[in-house]
Amino acid sequence: MKYRKIVVAFFLSVFLFNPFQKVEATDKLNVYLFHGNGCPHCEAEIEFLESIQSDYPYMNLIKYEIWENEENQALAEQVKQRIESSSRGVPFLVIGDKAFTGFSEDRKRDIRRTLEYYETEKAPDLVGDILKGIPAEKKEKLKAEEKVEVEKKIDWENIAVIGVIIVGLVVIMFLYYNSKIRK
């Protein structure tokens, strides 16, 4: 009876006060989209980004139309210079220090990976720095990546929870078999 109380208390503490809960990012991740009015790829990317907004609540989508707005076009050129991108097309998307030109099914996967990466990592805000007038010399120069392959992270939280459950089951089995032997 004593062992049952211990086992029940153990599992309640693991599941009610889970020390392995995922920590949510509190900062917003600014995602900058430079697009052109009437561009079908731009419209598709805008629709995609707006549709995944609920999946990534920390994402703050900021759009700049660059075909008809010279100020936005100049900003896009400054961003491309800062990240050393030779891209000339739209849509041009900047997430942290990653840049994407064009839009396709593969690009959707790349965008999702980058958003997931920056859920737990602090993202630089290159466009925000340019808008605030922070010179490039004070920031580390970063290369643009036309296609991002974000490293796969091991999900240690889930591994730890599974480990705790396995250890708990082993303890229960041990106690159960020991109680049968004593009888």
Protein backbone atom coordinates (compact mmCIF):
# COMPACT_ATOMS: atom_id res chain seq x y z
CA MET A 1 0.00 0.00 0.00
CA LYS A 2 2.84 2.33 0.86
CA TYR A 3 4.47 1.72 -2.53
CA ARG A 4 1.25 2.45 -4.39
CA LYS A 5 1.03 5.87 -2.75
CA ILE A 6 4.61 6.59 -3.73
CA VAL A 7 4.02 5.49 -7.34
CA VAL A 8 0.79 7.50 -7.61
CA ALA A 9 2.48 10.58 -6.13
CA PHE A 10 5.39 10.14 -8.55
CA PHE A 11 3.17 10.01 -11.64
CA LEU A 12 0.99 12.88 -10.49
CA SER A 13 4.04 15.04 -9.94
CA VAL A 14 5.42 14.17 -13.38
CA PHE A 15 2.19 14.83 -15.25
CA LEU A 16 0.78 17.74 -13.25
CA PHE A 17 4.00 19.62 -12.61
CA ASN A 18 5.82 18.67 -15.78
CA PRO A 19 9.36 20.05 -15.50
CA PHE A 20 9.87 19.29 -19.18
CA GLN A 21 7.24 21.65 -20.56
CA LYS A 22 8.24 23.45 -23.72
CA VAL A 23 9.10 27.10 -23.15
CA GLU A 24 7.37 29.42 -25.57
CA ALA A 25 9.20 32.33 -27.12
CA THR A 26 7.90 35.59 -25.71
CA ASP A 27 9.49 37.88 -28.29
CA LYS A 28 7.88 38.43 -31.64
CA LEU A 29 9.81 37.27 -34.68
CA ASN A 30 9.63 39.91 -37.39
CA VAL A 31 9.18 38.32 -40.82
CA TYR A 32 9.69 40.78 -43.66
CA LEU A 33 8.16 40.17 -47.08
CA PHE A 34 9.17 42.36 -50.00
CA HIS A 35 6.62 41.83 -52.78
CA GLY A 36 5.16 43.34 -55.93
CA ASN A 37 1.49 44.14 -56.55
CA GLY A 38 0.07 41.75 -59.12
CA CYS A 39 2.85 39.19 -58.71
CA PRO A 40 1.19 35.74 -58.53
CA HIS A 41 4.06 34.18 -56.56
CA CYS A 42 3.92 37.07 -54.08
CA GLU A 43 0.17 36.65 -53.64
CA ALA A 44 0.63 32.90 -53.06
CA GLU A 45 3.34 33.54 -50.46
CA ILE A 46 1.24 36.17 -48.66
CA GLU A 47 -1.68 33.73 -48.56
CA PHE A 48 0.62 30.97 -47.24
CA LEU A 49 2.17 33.19 -44.54
CA GLU A 50 -1.22 34.40 -43.38
CA SER A 51 -2.55 30.82 -43.29
CA ILE A 52 0.27 29.63 -41.00
CA GLN A 53 0.05 32.63 -38.66
CA SER A 54 -1.92 30.58 -36.11
CA ASP A 55 0.77 27.83 -36.15
CA TYR A 56 3.46 30.39 -35.31
CA PRO A 57 1.84 32.98 -32.99
CA TYR A 58 5.22 34.62 -32.38
CA MET A 59 5.51 35.48 -36.10
CA ASN A 60 4.94 39.16 -36.94
CA LEU A 61 4.47 39.50 -40.72
CA ILE A 62 5.52 42.88 -42.14
CA LYS A 63 4.92 43.45 -45.86
CA TYR A 64 6.62 45.96 -48.14
CA GLU A 65 5.39 46.53 -51.69
CA ILE A 66 8.47 47.40 -53.78
CA TRP A 67 7.28 47.72 -57.39
CA GLU A 68 5.28 50.90 -56.82
CA ASN A 69 6.96 52.29 -53.71
CA GLU A 70 10.49 53.66 -54.15
CA GLU A 71 11.19 53.93 -50.40
CA ASN A 72 10.36 50.26 -49.91
CA GLN A 73 12.46 49.40 -52.96
CA ALA A 74 15.42 51.26 -51.46
CA LEU A 75 14.92 49.43 -48.16
CA ALA A 76 14.91 46.08 -49.98
CA GLU A 77 18.19 47.00 -51.69
CA GLN A 78 19.76 47.97 -48.34
CA VAL A 79 18.68 44.63 -46.87
CA LYS A 80 20.15 42.74 -49.83
CA GLN A 81 23.43 44.63 -49.46
CA ARG A 82 23.55 43.95 -45.71
CA ILE A 83 23.13 40.21 -46.20
CA GLU A 84 25.17 40.15 -49.41
CA SER A 85 22.34 38.78 -51.56
CA SER A 86 22.40 39.15 -55.32
CA SER A 87 18.69 38.37 -55.57
CA ARG A 88 16.68 40.52 -57.98
CA GLY A 89 13.25 38.92 -57.82
CA VAL A 90 10.16 38.93 -55.67
CA PRO A 91 8.88 37.70 -53.38
CA PHE A 92 11.91 38.31 -51.17
CA LEU A 93 11.41 37.08 -47.60
CA VAL A 94 13.70 37.80 -44.65
CA ILE A 95 13.41 35.79 -41.42
CA GLY A 96 16.16 36.54 -38.92
CA ASP A 97 19.37 36.24 -40.93
CA LYS A 98 17.83 33.97 -43.58
CA ALA A 99 16.62 35.23 -46.94
CA PHE A 100 14.40 33.49 -49.48
CA THR A 101 13.69 34.56 -53.04
CA GLY A 102 10.74 33.14 -54.94
CA PHE A 103 7.99 30.86 -53.73
CA SER A 104 7.24 27.18 -54.29
CA GLU A 105 6.21 24.04 -52.41
CA ASP A 106 9.84 23.46 -51.35
CA ARG A 107 10.03 27.02 -50.11
CA LYS A 108 7.04 26.41 -47.80
CA ARG A 109 9.02 23.67 -46.06
CA ASP A 110 12.09 25.92 -45.77
CA ILE A 111 10.03 28.76 -44.31
CA ARG A 112 8.42 26.45 -41.74
CA ARG A 113 11.82 25.07 -40.71
CA THR A 114 13.22 28.54 -40.25
CA LEU A 115 10.21 29.68 -38.21
CA GLU A 116 10.53 26.59 -36.01
CA TYR A 117 14.26 27.20 -35.57
CA TYR A 118 13.65 30.77 -34.39
CA GLU A 119 10.91 29.65 -31.99
CA THR A 120 13.63 28.82 -29.46
CA GLU A 121 16.60 30.78 -30.81
CA LYS A 122 17.06 34.56 -30.63
CA ALA A 123 16.72 35.92 -34.16
CA PRO A 124 18.62 38.92 -35.44
CA ASP A 125 16.37 41.63 -36.88
CA LEU A 126 18.40 42.82 -39.86
CA VAL A 127 15.61 44.86 -41.43
CA GLY A 128 14.75 46.39 -38.06
CA ASP A 129 18.41 47.35 -37.58
CA ILE A 130 18.44 49.06 -40.97
CA LEU A 131 15.22 50.91 -40.17
CA LYS A 132 16.72 52.05 -36.84
CA GLY A 133 19.91 53.19 -38.57
CA ILE A 134 22.23 50.69 -36.90
CA PRO A 135 25.29 50.45 -39.16
CA ALA A 136 26.47 47.11 -40.51
CA GLU A 137 29.93 47.53 -38.95
CA LYS A 138 28.41 47.16 -35.49
CA LYS A 139 26.66 43.97 -36.49
CA GLU A 140 28.27 40.77 -37.57
CA LYS A 141 28.01 40.43 -41.37
CA LEU A 142 25.83 37.54 -42.34
CA LYS A 143 25.55 35.71 -45.63
CA ALA A 144 22.15 35.26 -47.20
CA GLU A 145 21.01 31.72 -47.72
CA GLU A 146 18.85 31.22 -50.77
CA LYS A 147 17.80 27.82 -49.44
CA VAL A 148 17.89 27.12 -45.75
CA GLU A 149 18.67 23.72 -44.33
CA VAL A 150 18.07 24.24 -40.62
CA GLU A 151 19.89 21.67 -38.55
CA LYS A 152 17.69 19.03 -37.01
CA LYS A 153 17.42 19.40 -33.29
CA ILE A 154 16.99 16.52 -30.92
CA ASP A 155 13.81 16.95 -28.92
CA TRP A 156 15.32 16.45 -25.47
CA GLU A 157 12.12 17.37 -23.66
CA ASN A 158 10.17 14.46 -25.13
CA ILE A 159 13.09 12.09 -24.66
CA ALA A 160 13.28 13.08 -20.98
CA VAL A 161 9.53 12.60 -20.47
CA ILE A 162 9.65 9.18 -22.14
CA GLY A 163 12.65 8.28 -19.98
CA VAL A 164 10.80 9.28 -16.81
CA ILE A 165 7.80 7.19 -17.87
CA ILE A 166 10.00 4.16 -18.59
CA VAL A 167 11.77 4.50 -15.24
CA GLY A 168 8.38 4.81 -13.53
CA LEU A 169 7.12 1.65 -15.23
CA VAL A 170 10.27 -0.23 -14.22
CA VAL A 171 9.79 0.90 -10.61
CA ILE A 172 6.15 -0.23 -10.67
CA MET A 173 7.10 -3.61 -12.13
CA PHE A 174 9.88 -4.02 -9.56
CA LEU A 175 7.56 -3.20 -6.67
CA TYR A 176 4.83 -5.44 -8.03
CA TYR A 177 7.10 -8.47 -8.44
CA ASN A 178 8.75 -7.89 -5.05
CA SER A 179 5.34 -7.78 -3.36
CA LYS A 180 4.39 -11.12 -5.01
CA ILE A 181 7.64 -12.76 -3.86
CA ARG A 182 7.03 -11.75 -0.23
CA LYS A 183 3.54 -13.25 -0.15
